[in-house]
N, C-alpha and C. Protein backbone atom coordinates (compact mmCIF):
# COMPACT_ATOMS: atom_id res chain seq x y z
N MET A 1 85.42 103.38 43.61
CA MET A 1 86.43 103.77 44.49
C MET A 1 87.75 103.69 43.93
N ALA A 2 88.57 104.57 43.97
CA ALA A 2 89.97 104.53 43.36
C ALA A 2 90.78 103.58 44.11
N TYR A 3 91.92 103.12 43.45
CA TYR A 3 92.82 102.24 44.10
C TYR A 3 94.26 102.66 43.67
N LYS A 4 95.30 102.22 44.53
CA LYS A 4 96.64 102.48 44.18
C LYS A 4 97.41 101.23 44.39
N ILE A 5 98.35 100.96 43.46
CA ILE A 5 99.17 99.72 43.56
C ILE A 5 100.53 100.21 44.01
N SER A 6 101.07 99.37 45.00
CA SER A 6 102.36 99.65 45.59
C SER A 6 103.20 98.38 45.54
N PRO A 7 103.99 98.17 44.55
CA PRO A 7 104.74 96.89 44.53
C PRO A 7 105.75 96.84 45.63
N SER A 8 105.84 95.62 46.23
CA SER A 8 106.75 95.37 47.27
C SER A 8 108.12 95.00 46.73
N LEU A 9 109.06 95.86 46.90
CA LEU A 9 110.37 95.74 46.23
C LEU A 9 111.17 94.54 46.82
N ILE A 10 110.81 94.04 48.01
CA ILE A 10 111.58 92.87 48.56
C ILE A 10 111.20 91.67 47.71
N CYS A 11 110.15 91.68 46.97
CA CYS A 11 109.72 90.52 46.12
C CYS A 11 110.22 90.63 44.71
N MET A 12 110.88 91.83 44.28
CA MET A 12 111.26 91.92 42.91
C MET A 12 112.47 91.09 42.64
N ASP A 13 112.85 90.97 41.33
CA ASP A 13 114.00 90.20 40.89
C ASP A 13 115.25 91.21 41.10
N MET A 14 115.98 90.89 42.02
CA MET A 14 117.17 91.72 42.37
C MET A 14 118.21 91.81 41.27
N LEU A 15 118.17 90.82 40.34
CA LEU A 15 119.09 90.85 39.17
C LEU A 15 118.66 91.86 38.10
N LYS A 16 117.38 92.33 38.27
CA LYS A 16 116.77 93.19 37.26
C LYS A 16 116.20 94.49 37.83
N VAL A 17 116.83 95.00 38.88
CA VAL A 17 116.31 96.11 39.56
C VAL A 17 116.07 97.36 38.65
N GLY A 18 117.07 97.72 37.87
CA GLY A 18 116.92 98.83 37.00
C GLY A 18 115.81 98.66 35.99
N GLN A 19 115.77 97.50 35.31
CA GLN A 19 114.77 97.25 34.31
C GLN A 19 113.33 97.23 34.96
N GLN A 20 113.15 96.58 36.06
CA GLN A 20 111.97 96.48 36.77
C GLN A 20 111.42 97.88 37.27
N LEU A 21 112.41 98.64 37.74
CA LEU A 21 112.14 100.00 38.25
C LEU A 21 111.51 100.85 37.14
N GLU A 22 112.03 100.74 35.94
CA GLU A 22 111.44 101.53 34.80
C GLU A 22 110.02 101.12 34.58
N ILE A 23 109.70 99.89 34.65
CA ILE A 23 108.28 99.39 34.52
C ILE A 23 107.39 99.86 35.58
N MET A 24 107.92 99.79 36.81
CA MET A 24 107.09 100.28 37.94
C MET A 24 106.87 101.78 37.92
N ASN A 25 107.79 102.49 37.46
CA ASN A 25 107.59 103.94 37.28
C ASN A 25 106.42 104.27 36.35
N ARG A 26 106.25 103.39 35.41
CA ARG A 26 105.10 103.58 34.45
C ARG A 26 103.76 103.04 34.96
N CYS A 27 103.86 101.98 35.73
CA CYS A 27 102.65 101.15 36.03
C CYS A 27 102.11 101.27 37.46
N ALA A 28 102.97 101.74 38.49
CA ALA A 28 102.65 101.70 39.85
C ALA A 28 102.33 103.10 40.33
N ASP A 29 101.76 103.17 41.51
CA ASP A 29 101.48 104.49 42.24
C ASP A 29 102.44 104.85 43.27
N TYR A 30 102.96 103.76 43.94
CA TYR A 30 103.97 103.95 45.02
C TYR A 30 104.99 102.80 44.84
N LEU A 31 106.17 102.85 45.42
CA LEU A 31 107.08 101.82 45.55
C LEU A 31 107.17 101.50 47.04
N HIS A 32 106.96 100.25 47.46
CA HIS A 32 106.84 99.80 48.82
C HIS A 32 108.16 99.12 49.25
N VAL A 33 108.81 99.80 50.26
CA VAL A 33 110.06 99.19 50.72
C VAL A 33 109.93 98.69 52.14
N ASP A 34 110.27 97.45 52.39
CA ASP A 34 110.21 96.85 53.77
C ASP A 34 111.64 96.86 54.38
N MET A 35 111.70 97.51 55.48
CA MET A 35 112.97 97.44 56.28
C MET A 35 112.69 96.67 57.59
N MET A 36 113.56 95.75 57.93
CA MET A 36 113.38 94.82 59.06
C MET A 36 114.76 94.72 59.75
N ASP A 37 114.71 94.63 61.07
CA ASP A 37 115.90 94.59 61.84
C ASP A 37 116.31 93.27 62.52
N SER A 38 115.49 92.17 62.24
CA SER A 38 115.62 90.85 62.83
C SER A 38 115.43 90.93 64.29
N ARG A 39 114.78 91.97 64.79
CA ARG A 39 114.47 92.09 66.29
C ARG A 39 113.04 92.23 66.43
N PHE A 40 112.40 93.30 65.88
CA PHE A 40 110.98 93.42 65.94
C PHE A 40 110.29 92.26 65.15
N VAL A 41 110.87 91.98 64.05
CA VAL A 41 110.47 90.73 63.30
C VAL A 41 111.75 89.87 63.13
N PRO A 42 111.62 88.56 62.94
CA PRO A 42 112.78 87.74 62.95
C PRO A 42 113.59 87.66 61.64
N THR A 43 113.40 88.54 60.73
CA THR A 43 114.10 88.49 59.47
C THR A 43 114.66 89.87 59.17
N LEU A 44 115.56 89.94 58.14
CA LEU A 44 116.09 91.21 57.70
C LEU A 44 115.46 91.56 56.36
N GLY A 45 115.31 92.91 56.13
CA GLY A 45 114.72 93.36 54.89
C GLY A 45 115.74 94.24 54.10
N LEU A 46 115.20 95.16 53.38
CA LEU A 46 116.03 96.05 52.60
C LEU A 46 116.66 97.07 53.50
N PHE A 47 117.66 97.74 53.08
CA PHE A 47 118.47 98.59 53.88
C PHE A 47 118.57 99.94 53.30
N PRO A 48 118.88 100.98 54.18
CA PRO A 48 118.83 102.41 53.76
C PRO A 48 119.62 102.72 52.44
N GLY A 49 120.79 102.06 52.20
CA GLY A 49 121.48 102.34 51.03
C GLY A 49 120.69 101.97 49.77
N PHE A 50 119.98 100.85 49.83
CA PHE A 50 119.14 100.41 48.77
C PHE A 50 118.01 101.39 48.52
N VAL A 51 117.42 101.89 49.61
CA VAL A 51 116.34 102.85 49.59
C VAL A 51 116.82 104.07 48.79
N GLU A 52 117.96 104.61 49.13
CA GLU A 52 118.53 105.74 48.45
C GLU A 52 118.73 105.55 46.99
N ALA A 53 119.24 104.38 46.70
CA ALA A 53 119.43 104.04 45.26
C ALA A 53 118.13 104.04 44.51
N VAL A 54 117.09 103.44 45.11
CA VAL A 54 115.79 103.40 44.48
C VAL A 54 115.18 104.77 44.30
N THR A 55 115.30 105.58 45.36
CA THR A 55 114.61 106.97 45.20
C THR A 55 115.28 107.75 44.06
N ARG A 56 116.54 107.55 43.81
CA ARG A 56 117.23 108.23 42.71
C ARG A 56 116.65 107.84 41.41
N GLY A 57 116.25 106.65 41.27
CA GLY A 57 115.70 106.19 39.98
C GLY A 57 114.20 106.15 39.99
N SER A 58 113.48 106.63 40.98
CA SER A 58 112.03 106.54 41.07
C SER A 58 111.39 107.86 40.59
N LYS A 59 110.40 107.71 39.85
CA LYS A 59 109.56 108.87 39.42
C LYS A 59 108.27 108.92 40.22
N ILE A 60 108.02 108.01 41.08
CA ILE A 60 106.77 107.89 41.87
C ILE A 60 107.18 107.88 43.41
N PRO A 61 106.31 108.18 44.27
CA PRO A 61 106.64 108.20 45.67
C PRO A 61 107.07 106.92 46.23
N VAL A 62 108.05 106.88 47.12
CA VAL A 62 108.55 105.71 47.82
C VAL A 62 107.99 105.74 49.23
N ASP A 63 107.33 104.60 49.59
CA ASP A 63 106.90 104.52 50.97
C ASP A 63 107.74 103.45 51.68
N CYS A 64 108.18 103.70 52.93
CA CYS A 64 109.08 102.80 53.63
C CYS A 64 108.32 102.26 54.88
N HIS A 65 108.10 100.95 54.88
CA HIS A 65 107.44 100.31 56.06
C HIS A 65 108.59 99.80 56.98
N ILE A 66 108.71 100.44 58.21
CA ILE A 66 109.86 100.09 58.97
C ILE A 66 109.50 99.20 60.14
N MET A 67 109.82 97.91 59.95
CA MET A 67 109.57 96.86 60.99
C MET A 67 110.77 96.77 61.91
N VAL A 68 111.00 97.72 62.71
CA VAL A 68 112.21 97.83 63.54
C VAL A 68 111.83 98.22 64.98
N GLU A 69 112.64 97.90 65.90
CA GLU A 69 112.35 98.14 67.29
C GLU A 69 112.50 99.64 67.62
N LYS A 70 113.46 100.32 66.91
CA LYS A 70 113.73 101.79 67.20
C LYS A 70 113.50 102.64 65.97
N PRO A 71 112.34 102.96 65.63
CA PRO A 71 112.10 103.69 64.37
C PRO A 71 112.80 104.96 64.34
N LEU A 72 112.91 105.69 65.45
CA LEU A 72 113.57 107.02 65.37
C LEU A 72 115.01 106.96 64.89
N ASP A 73 115.69 105.78 65.06
CA ASP A 73 116.98 105.60 64.52
C ASP A 73 117.10 105.70 62.97
N TYR A 74 115.96 105.55 62.31
CA TYR A 74 115.97 105.45 60.86
C TYR A 74 115.27 106.65 60.13
N ILE A 75 114.49 107.42 60.85
CA ILE A 75 113.67 108.39 60.13
C ILE A 75 114.45 109.42 59.45
N ASP A 76 115.42 110.15 60.06
CA ASP A 76 116.16 111.15 59.43
C ASP A 76 116.96 110.61 58.23
N GLN A 77 117.48 109.39 58.24
CA GLN A 77 118.23 108.82 57.20
C GLN A 77 117.33 108.48 56.08
N LEU A 78 116.13 107.99 56.36
CA LEU A 78 115.19 107.69 55.23
C LEU A 78 114.68 108.97 54.57
N ALA A 79 114.45 109.95 55.40
CA ALA A 79 113.98 111.28 54.87
C ALA A 79 115.06 111.85 53.87
N ALA A 80 116.32 111.78 54.33
CA ALA A 80 117.38 112.27 53.59
C ALA A 80 117.52 111.48 52.23
N ALA A 81 117.16 110.24 52.25
CA ALA A 81 117.27 109.40 51.08
C ALA A 81 116.17 109.70 50.12
N GLY A 82 115.17 110.46 50.51
CA GLY A 82 114.14 110.86 49.56
C GLY A 82 112.83 110.15 49.69
N VAL A 83 112.58 109.38 50.76
CA VAL A 83 111.37 108.67 50.96
C VAL A 83 110.25 109.62 51.15
N SER A 84 109.08 109.28 50.66
CA SER A 84 107.87 110.16 50.79
C SER A 84 107.03 109.87 51.94
N VAL A 85 106.85 108.56 52.26
CA VAL A 85 106.00 108.10 53.40
C VAL A 85 106.83 107.14 54.26
N ILE A 86 106.74 107.43 55.54
CA ILE A 86 107.43 106.47 56.52
C ILE A 86 106.40 105.94 57.40
N VAL A 87 106.39 104.58 57.57
CA VAL A 87 105.32 103.87 58.37
C VAL A 87 105.98 103.00 59.39
N PRO A 88 106.10 103.50 60.62
CA PRO A 88 106.47 102.57 61.70
C PRO A 88 105.30 101.81 62.23
N HIS A 89 105.66 100.86 63.19
CA HIS A 89 104.56 100.03 63.68
C HIS A 89 104.01 100.60 64.96
N ALA A 90 102.70 100.49 65.17
CA ALA A 90 102.07 100.90 66.38
C ALA A 90 102.70 100.19 67.61
N GLU A 91 103.11 99.00 67.36
CA GLU A 91 103.66 98.22 68.49
C GLU A 91 105.06 98.64 68.94
N THR A 92 105.68 99.45 68.12
CA THR A 92 107.03 99.92 68.52
C THR A 92 107.09 101.38 68.93
N ILE A 93 106.11 102.16 68.59
CA ILE A 93 106.10 103.54 69.03
C ILE A 93 105.35 103.88 70.36
N THR A 94 104.47 103.04 70.69
CA THR A 94 103.71 103.07 72.00
C THR A 94 103.67 104.43 72.64
N THR A 95 104.44 104.64 73.79
CA THR A 95 104.37 105.85 74.47
C THR A 95 105.08 107.04 73.73
N GLY A 96 105.82 106.73 72.71
CA GLY A 96 106.59 107.79 71.99
C GLY A 96 105.86 108.17 70.64
N ALA A 97 104.65 107.76 70.49
CA ALA A 97 103.97 107.89 69.21
C ALA A 97 103.92 109.29 68.69
N PHE A 98 103.53 110.29 69.56
CA PHE A 98 103.53 111.66 69.03
C PHE A 98 104.84 112.16 68.61
N ARG A 99 105.85 111.84 69.34
CA ARG A 99 107.25 112.31 69.08
C ARG A 99 107.67 111.68 67.74
N VAL A 100 107.45 110.40 67.50
CA VAL A 100 107.84 109.75 66.31
C VAL A 100 107.12 110.34 65.12
N LEU A 101 105.77 110.42 65.18
CA LEU A 101 105.00 110.99 64.02
C LEU A 101 105.38 112.46 63.75
N ASP A 102 105.60 113.26 64.79
CA ASP A 102 106.03 114.61 64.59
C ASP A 102 107.38 114.69 63.93
N ARG A 103 108.25 113.75 64.27
CA ARG A 103 109.59 113.79 63.65
C ARG A 103 109.50 113.45 62.18
N ILE A 104 108.64 112.55 61.84
CA ILE A 104 108.48 112.16 60.45
C ILE A 104 107.95 113.36 59.62
N THR A 105 106.97 114.08 60.22
CA THR A 105 106.42 115.28 59.57
C THR A 105 107.44 116.36 59.38
N ALA A 106 108.23 116.56 60.52
CA ALA A 106 109.21 117.65 60.48
C ALA A 106 110.32 117.34 59.43
N CYS A 107 110.52 116.13 59.09
CA CYS A 107 111.49 115.75 58.04
C CYS A 107 110.98 115.87 56.67
N GLY A 108 109.70 116.32 56.57
CA GLY A 108 109.08 116.53 55.27
C GLY A 108 108.48 115.34 54.60
N CYS A 109 108.19 114.27 55.42
CA CYS A 109 107.60 113.03 54.98
C CYS A 109 106.21 112.87 55.47
N ARG A 110 105.39 112.04 54.80
CA ARG A 110 104.11 111.85 55.36
C ARG A 110 104.08 110.66 56.30
N PRO A 111 103.50 110.90 57.55
CA PRO A 111 103.58 109.87 58.56
C PRO A 111 102.49 108.81 58.44
N GLY A 112 102.87 107.56 58.69
CA GLY A 112 101.86 106.52 58.73
C GLY A 112 102.04 105.70 59.95
N VAL A 113 101.18 104.64 60.07
CA VAL A 113 101.44 103.70 61.13
C VAL A 113 100.81 102.34 60.64
N ALA A 114 101.56 101.32 61.08
CA ALA A 114 101.13 99.96 60.66
C ALA A 114 100.71 99.25 61.92
N VAL A 115 99.66 98.31 61.75
CA VAL A 115 99.16 97.59 62.93
C VAL A 115 99.23 96.10 62.56
N ASN A 116 99.75 95.31 63.44
CA ASN A 116 99.79 93.87 63.30
C ASN A 116 98.36 93.26 63.34
N PRO A 117 98.18 92.04 62.84
CA PRO A 117 96.94 91.52 62.84
C PRO A 117 96.24 91.38 64.22
N ALA A 118 97.00 91.12 65.30
CA ALA A 118 96.41 91.05 66.58
C ALA A 118 96.22 92.30 67.35
N THR A 119 96.61 93.47 66.74
CA THR A 119 96.60 94.79 67.33
C THR A 119 95.29 95.45 66.98
N SER A 120 94.57 95.93 67.96
CA SER A 120 93.31 96.64 67.84
C SER A 120 93.55 98.02 67.23
N LEU A 121 92.60 98.53 66.52
CA LEU A 121 92.68 99.93 66.02
C LEU A 121 92.56 100.92 67.10
N GLU A 122 92.06 100.49 68.27
CA GLU A 122 92.03 101.37 69.43
C GLU A 122 93.42 101.87 69.84
N ALA A 123 94.40 101.01 69.47
CA ALA A 123 95.78 101.32 69.85
C ALA A 123 96.25 102.65 69.17
N VAL A 124 95.73 102.82 67.96
CA VAL A 124 96.18 104.09 67.17
C VAL A 124 95.25 105.22 67.23
N ARG A 125 94.05 105.01 67.87
CA ARG A 125 93.05 106.10 67.90
C ARG A 125 93.52 107.39 68.52
N PRO A 126 94.32 107.40 69.65
CA PRO A 126 94.70 108.66 70.19
C PRO A 126 95.54 109.64 69.17
N TYR A 127 96.17 109.08 68.20
CA TYR A 127 96.95 109.88 67.35
C TYR A 127 96.58 109.64 65.83
N ILE A 128 95.42 109.00 65.61
CA ILE A 128 95.07 108.69 64.25
C ILE A 128 94.93 110.00 63.35
N HIS A 129 94.61 111.14 64.08
CA HIS A 129 94.49 112.38 63.29
C HIS A 129 95.75 112.87 62.72
N LYS A 130 96.89 112.34 63.19
CA LYS A 130 98.24 112.76 62.78
C LYS A 130 98.79 111.97 61.55
N ILE A 131 98.11 110.91 61.26
CA ILE A 131 98.75 110.05 60.17
C ILE A 131 98.09 110.35 58.81
N ARG A 132 98.90 109.88 57.79
CA ARG A 132 98.35 110.03 56.41
C ARG A 132 98.20 108.68 55.76
N ARG A 133 98.63 107.67 56.50
CA ARG A 133 98.57 106.30 56.01
C ARG A 133 98.38 105.34 57.15
N LEU A 134 97.38 104.51 57.01
CA LEU A 134 97.14 103.46 57.99
C LEU A 134 97.30 102.09 57.30
N THR A 135 98.32 101.38 57.75
CA THR A 135 98.66 100.05 57.07
C THR A 135 98.11 98.92 57.96
N ILE A 136 97.23 98.17 57.36
CA ILE A 136 96.74 96.98 58.03
C ILE A 136 97.49 95.75 57.52
N MET A 137 98.26 95.14 58.45
CA MET A 137 98.91 93.94 58.08
C MET A 137 97.90 92.80 57.94
N THR A 138 97.99 92.22 56.69
CA THR A 138 97.07 91.09 56.44
C THR A 138 97.76 89.79 56.47
N ILE A 139 99.01 89.78 56.85
CA ILE A 139 99.76 88.57 57.25
C ILE A 139 100.51 88.92 58.51
N GLU A 140 101.13 87.93 59.15
CA GLU A 140 102.07 88.17 60.22
C GLU A 140 103.36 88.87 59.64
N PRO A 141 103.71 90.06 60.23
CA PRO A 141 104.86 90.79 59.58
C PRO A 141 106.19 90.07 59.73
N GLY A 142 106.97 90.34 58.73
CA GLY A 142 108.30 89.69 58.72
C GLY A 142 108.42 88.36 58.02
N PHE A 143 107.31 87.89 57.49
CA PHE A 143 107.27 86.61 56.75
C PHE A 143 106.68 86.74 55.37
N PRO A 144 107.50 87.30 54.42
CA PRO A 144 106.92 87.41 53.04
C PRO A 144 106.44 86.03 52.52
N GLY A 145 105.24 85.97 51.94
CA GLY A 145 104.68 84.80 51.47
C GLY A 145 103.90 84.03 52.52
N ALA A 146 103.70 84.60 53.71
CA ALA A 146 102.90 84.00 54.75
C ALA A 146 101.46 84.03 54.27
N PRO A 147 100.59 83.14 54.87
CA PRO A 147 99.19 83.13 54.40
C PRO A 147 98.40 84.32 54.88
N TYR A 148 97.44 84.68 53.93
CA TYR A 148 96.52 85.79 54.20
C TYR A 148 95.61 85.51 55.41
N ILE A 149 95.39 86.52 56.22
CA ILE A 149 94.52 86.42 57.35
C ILE A 149 93.17 86.98 57.12
N PRO A 150 92.15 86.20 56.77
CA PRO A 150 90.84 86.76 56.28
C PRO A 150 90.15 87.74 57.23
N GLU A 151 90.46 87.63 58.50
CA GLU A 151 89.75 88.43 59.53
C GLU A 151 90.17 89.87 59.32
N MET A 152 91.24 90.17 58.54
CA MET A 152 91.71 91.54 58.41
C MET A 152 90.83 92.35 57.52
N ALA A 153 90.01 91.73 56.70
CA ALA A 153 89.02 92.48 55.88
C ALA A 153 88.08 93.26 56.78
N GLU A 154 87.62 92.67 57.91
CA GLU A 154 86.76 93.38 58.85
C GLU A 154 87.50 94.54 59.50
N LYS A 155 88.88 94.38 59.75
CA LYS A 155 89.60 95.50 60.31
C LYS A 155 89.73 96.66 59.35
N ILE A 156 89.79 96.35 58.06
CA ILE A 156 89.83 97.38 57.03
C ILE A 156 88.46 98.09 57.01
N ARG A 157 87.36 97.34 57.10
CA ARG A 157 86.07 97.97 57.13
C ARG A 157 85.95 98.87 58.40
N GLU A 158 86.44 98.41 59.52
CA GLU A 158 86.46 99.18 60.79
C GLU A 158 87.18 100.46 60.66
N ALA A 159 88.45 100.38 59.91
CA ALA A 159 89.25 101.60 59.68
C ALA A 159 88.52 102.54 58.77
N ALA A 160 87.81 102.09 57.75
CA ALA A 160 87.08 102.94 56.82
C ALA A 160 85.90 103.64 57.59
N ARG A 161 85.26 102.88 58.46
CA ARG A 161 84.15 103.50 59.31
C ARG A 161 84.71 104.57 60.23
N LEU A 162 85.87 104.34 60.80
CA LEU A 162 86.44 105.28 61.67
C LEU A 162 86.85 106.47 60.99
N ARG A 163 87.42 106.31 59.79
CA ARG A 163 87.86 107.48 58.99
C ARG A 163 86.66 108.38 58.65
N ARG A 164 85.56 107.75 58.27
CA ARG A 164 84.28 108.50 57.95
C ARG A 164 83.84 109.27 59.19
N GLU A 165 83.73 108.49 60.31
CA GLU A 165 83.23 109.12 61.52
C GLU A 165 84.01 110.35 62.03
N LEU A 166 85.30 110.26 61.85
CA LEU A 166 86.17 111.25 62.34
C LEU A 166 86.48 112.39 61.24
N GLY A 167 86.02 112.14 60.10
CA GLY A 167 86.17 113.17 59.03
C GLY A 167 87.68 113.25 58.57
N LEU A 168 88.39 112.18 58.58
CA LEU A 168 89.80 112.16 58.25
C LEU A 168 89.94 111.74 56.83
N ASP A 169 91.22 111.80 56.35
CA ASP A 169 91.47 111.42 54.95
C ASP A 169 92.76 110.61 54.74
N PHE A 170 93.24 109.87 55.82
CA PHE A 170 94.31 109.00 55.63
C PHE A 170 93.94 107.87 54.70
N GLU A 171 95.04 107.41 53.99
CA GLU A 171 94.86 106.26 53.11
C GLU A 171 94.92 105.00 54.00
N ILE A 172 94.09 104.03 53.55
CA ILE A 172 94.10 102.67 54.16
C ILE A 172 94.87 101.76 53.24
N GLU A 173 95.87 101.10 53.77
CA GLU A 173 96.67 100.20 52.92
C GLU A 173 96.60 98.80 53.54
N MET A 174 96.56 97.81 52.64
CA MET A 174 96.71 96.42 53.10
C MET A 174 98.12 95.99 52.70
N ASP A 175 98.73 95.15 53.54
CA ASP A 175 100.02 94.68 53.27
C ASP A 175 100.14 93.21 53.66
N GLY A 176 100.22 92.39 52.56
CA GLY A 176 100.42 90.94 52.86
C GLY A 176 99.60 90.01 52.03
N SER A 177 100.19 89.25 51.16
CA SER A 177 99.51 88.16 50.48
C SER A 177 98.35 88.62 49.64
N LEU A 178 98.44 89.73 48.91
CA LEU A 178 97.36 90.13 47.98
C LEU A 178 97.37 89.07 46.83
N CYS A 179 96.11 88.72 46.42
CA CYS A 179 96.05 87.79 45.33
C CYS A 179 94.69 87.89 44.73
N SER A 180 94.34 87.17 43.59
CA SER A 180 93.00 87.24 42.98
C SER A 180 91.96 86.79 43.91
N ARG A 181 92.21 85.95 44.91
CA ARG A 181 91.15 85.43 45.75
C ARG A 181 90.68 86.44 46.76
N ASN A 182 91.51 87.41 47.13
CA ASN A 182 91.07 88.36 48.25
C ASN A 182 91.00 89.73 47.76
N LEU A 183 91.37 90.08 46.54
CA LEU A 183 91.42 91.46 46.05
C LEU A 183 90.04 92.15 46.12
N LYS A 184 88.94 91.37 45.66
CA LYS A 184 87.65 91.96 45.70
C LYS A 184 87.17 92.30 47.11
N GLU A 185 87.40 91.34 48.03
CA GLU A 185 86.99 91.58 49.42
C GLU A 185 87.66 92.69 50.02
N LEU A 186 88.93 92.87 49.76
CA LEU A 186 89.77 93.96 50.34
C LEU A 186 89.33 95.25 49.77
N LYS A 187 89.13 95.36 48.49
CA LYS A 187 88.70 96.58 47.87
C LYS A 187 87.36 97.04 48.33
N GLU A 188 86.39 96.13 48.41
CA GLU A 188 85.10 96.47 48.91
C GLU A 188 85.06 96.83 50.35
N ALA A 189 86.04 96.36 51.16
CA ALA A 189 86.04 96.67 52.55
C ALA A 189 86.55 98.07 52.76
N GLY A 190 87.18 98.73 51.75
CA GLY A 190 87.57 100.13 51.93
C GLY A 190 89.05 100.35 51.75
N CYS A 191 89.83 99.40 51.28
CA CYS A 191 91.29 99.52 51.05
C CYS A 191 91.52 100.48 49.91
N ASP A 192 92.54 101.38 50.06
CA ASP A 192 92.91 102.31 49.03
C ASP A 192 94.19 101.95 48.34
N VAL A 193 95.18 101.40 49.07
CA VAL A 193 96.52 101.11 48.67
C VAL A 193 96.76 99.61 48.79
N PHE A 194 97.18 98.98 47.74
CA PHE A 194 97.38 97.50 47.71
C PHE A 194 98.81 97.24 47.55
N VAL A 195 99.43 96.67 48.50
CA VAL A 195 100.89 96.19 48.41
C VAL A 195 100.90 94.93 47.57
N ALA A 196 101.51 94.92 46.41
CA ALA A 196 101.46 93.76 45.54
C ALA A 196 102.91 93.05 45.58
N GLY A 197 102.87 91.83 46.02
CA GLY A 197 104.18 91.07 46.13
C GLY A 197 104.27 89.96 45.08
N THR A 198 104.62 88.78 45.58
CA THR A 198 104.83 87.68 44.64
C THR A 198 103.60 87.17 44.05
N ALA A 199 102.54 86.92 44.80
CA ALA A 199 101.35 86.27 44.31
C ALA A 199 100.55 87.18 43.39
N ALA A 200 100.58 88.49 43.60
CA ALA A 200 99.78 89.38 42.75
C ALA A 200 100.53 89.95 41.64
N LEU A 201 101.91 89.94 41.60
CA LEU A 201 102.71 90.64 40.65
C LEU A 201 104.01 89.99 40.24
N PHE A 202 104.93 89.81 41.07
CA PHE A 202 106.26 89.37 40.72
C PHE A 202 106.38 87.89 40.29
N GLY A 203 105.43 87.13 40.87
CA GLY A 203 105.51 85.68 40.60
C GLY A 203 104.69 85.14 39.52
N ASN A 204 104.12 86.09 38.73
CA ASN A 204 103.20 85.64 37.63
C ASN A 204 103.89 85.63 36.26
N GLY A 205 105.09 85.24 36.15
CA GLY A 205 105.83 85.26 34.87
C GLY A 205 106.82 86.40 34.78
N PRO A 206 107.69 86.26 33.78
CA PRO A 206 108.76 87.21 33.58
C PRO A 206 108.38 88.59 33.07
N ASP A 207 107.22 88.67 32.45
CA ASP A 207 106.74 89.99 31.88
C ASP A 207 106.12 90.84 32.89
N LEU A 208 106.82 91.66 33.56
CA LEU A 208 106.26 92.46 34.71
C LEU A 208 105.20 93.44 34.17
N GLU A 209 105.44 93.99 33.05
CA GLU A 209 104.44 94.94 32.46
C GLU A 209 103.09 94.21 32.27
N ALA A 210 103.16 93.01 31.72
CA ALA A 210 101.92 92.24 31.50
C ALA A 210 101.31 91.84 32.85
N ASN A 211 102.05 91.67 33.83
CA ASN A 211 101.60 91.28 35.13
C ASN A 211 100.80 92.49 35.71
N PHE A 212 101.31 93.71 35.58
CA PHE A 212 100.62 94.87 35.99
C PHE A 212 99.31 95.02 35.31
N ALA A 213 99.33 94.75 34.01
CA ALA A 213 98.05 94.89 33.18
C ALA A 213 97.02 93.88 33.75
N SER A 214 97.46 92.68 34.08
CA SER A 214 96.56 91.68 34.53
C SER A 214 95.92 92.08 35.88
N LEU A 215 96.85 92.64 36.75
CA LEU A 215 96.30 93.09 38.06
C LEU A 215 95.31 94.22 37.87
N LYS A 216 95.60 95.14 37.08
CA LYS A 216 94.71 96.30 36.89
C LYS A 216 93.41 95.84 36.24
N LYS A 217 93.43 94.85 35.41
CA LYS A 217 92.23 94.25 34.81
C LYS A 217 91.32 93.71 35.88
N GLN A 218 91.94 93.04 36.87
CA GLN A 218 91.19 92.50 38.05
C GLN A 218 90.47 93.61 38.79
N PHE A 219 91.10 94.77 38.91
CA PHE A 219 90.42 95.88 39.64
C PHE A 219 89.31 96.45 38.78
N GLU A 220 89.56 96.51 37.49
CA GLU A 220 88.47 97.03 36.59
C GLU A 220 87.30 96.11 36.58
N ASP A 221 87.50 94.82 36.60
CA ASP A 221 86.41 93.85 36.60
C ASP A 221 85.53 94.02 37.91
N ILE A 222 86.24 94.27 38.97
CA ILE A 222 85.47 94.53 40.21
C ILE A 222 84.64 95.81 40.13
N GLU A 223 85.34 96.82 39.58
CA GLU A 223 84.71 98.17 39.52
C GLU A 223 83.37 98.07 38.64
N TYR A 224 83.49 97.33 37.64
CA TYR A 224 82.34 97.30 36.66
C TYR A 224 81.51 95.99 36.77
N GLY A 225 81.76 95.25 37.86
CA GLY A 225 80.91 94.08 38.17
C GLY A 225 81.03 92.94 37.22
N CYS A 226 82.24 92.79 36.63
CA CYS A 226 82.40 91.66 35.66
C CYS A 226 82.63 90.31 36.37
């Protein structure tokens, strides 16, 4: 099964943005941007101006995970900044889900939806045919470095089964605390896109390119049963 790596830019070394962006352009499949408003989650994340600067220097798609109470306030601005994928939370779009997803599509971006650990996939089933990305939060959102929630592997398996049953082709993404201890379980559960933060990528020494090589080697070892 193929995999894609999406580095979490909130975990990068902000003193080396340009240098690290060059490496990620060569080694990653997506760039993952977390936006937070300190309301839906109790912390602040990256901001639209940073996103615009990143997209100017990016040669790969930028996906924006918006942990905000009012996602419609950000969609047009992010689309204009050049984002490829916009992923609001199921918990924030509720009765306006179709309007939000249609707006993302109308702006020329791929729509996604993220679900918190305690949110059932039944919450997104009415509009799951409209999304191109399903993000399963594997930590409580808004807390980078929070502990991995092992029960989320079963939710990923459930999402993969649902995708097969409905004949859909959305990507399944995990987001939160990826590391060598859970990578195999998540990949075998059916995950396609892996958000790599401190534990999997940025916190493993100053040589980011070597860290990418190490992470990819772990995927290859799983693929070939090493």
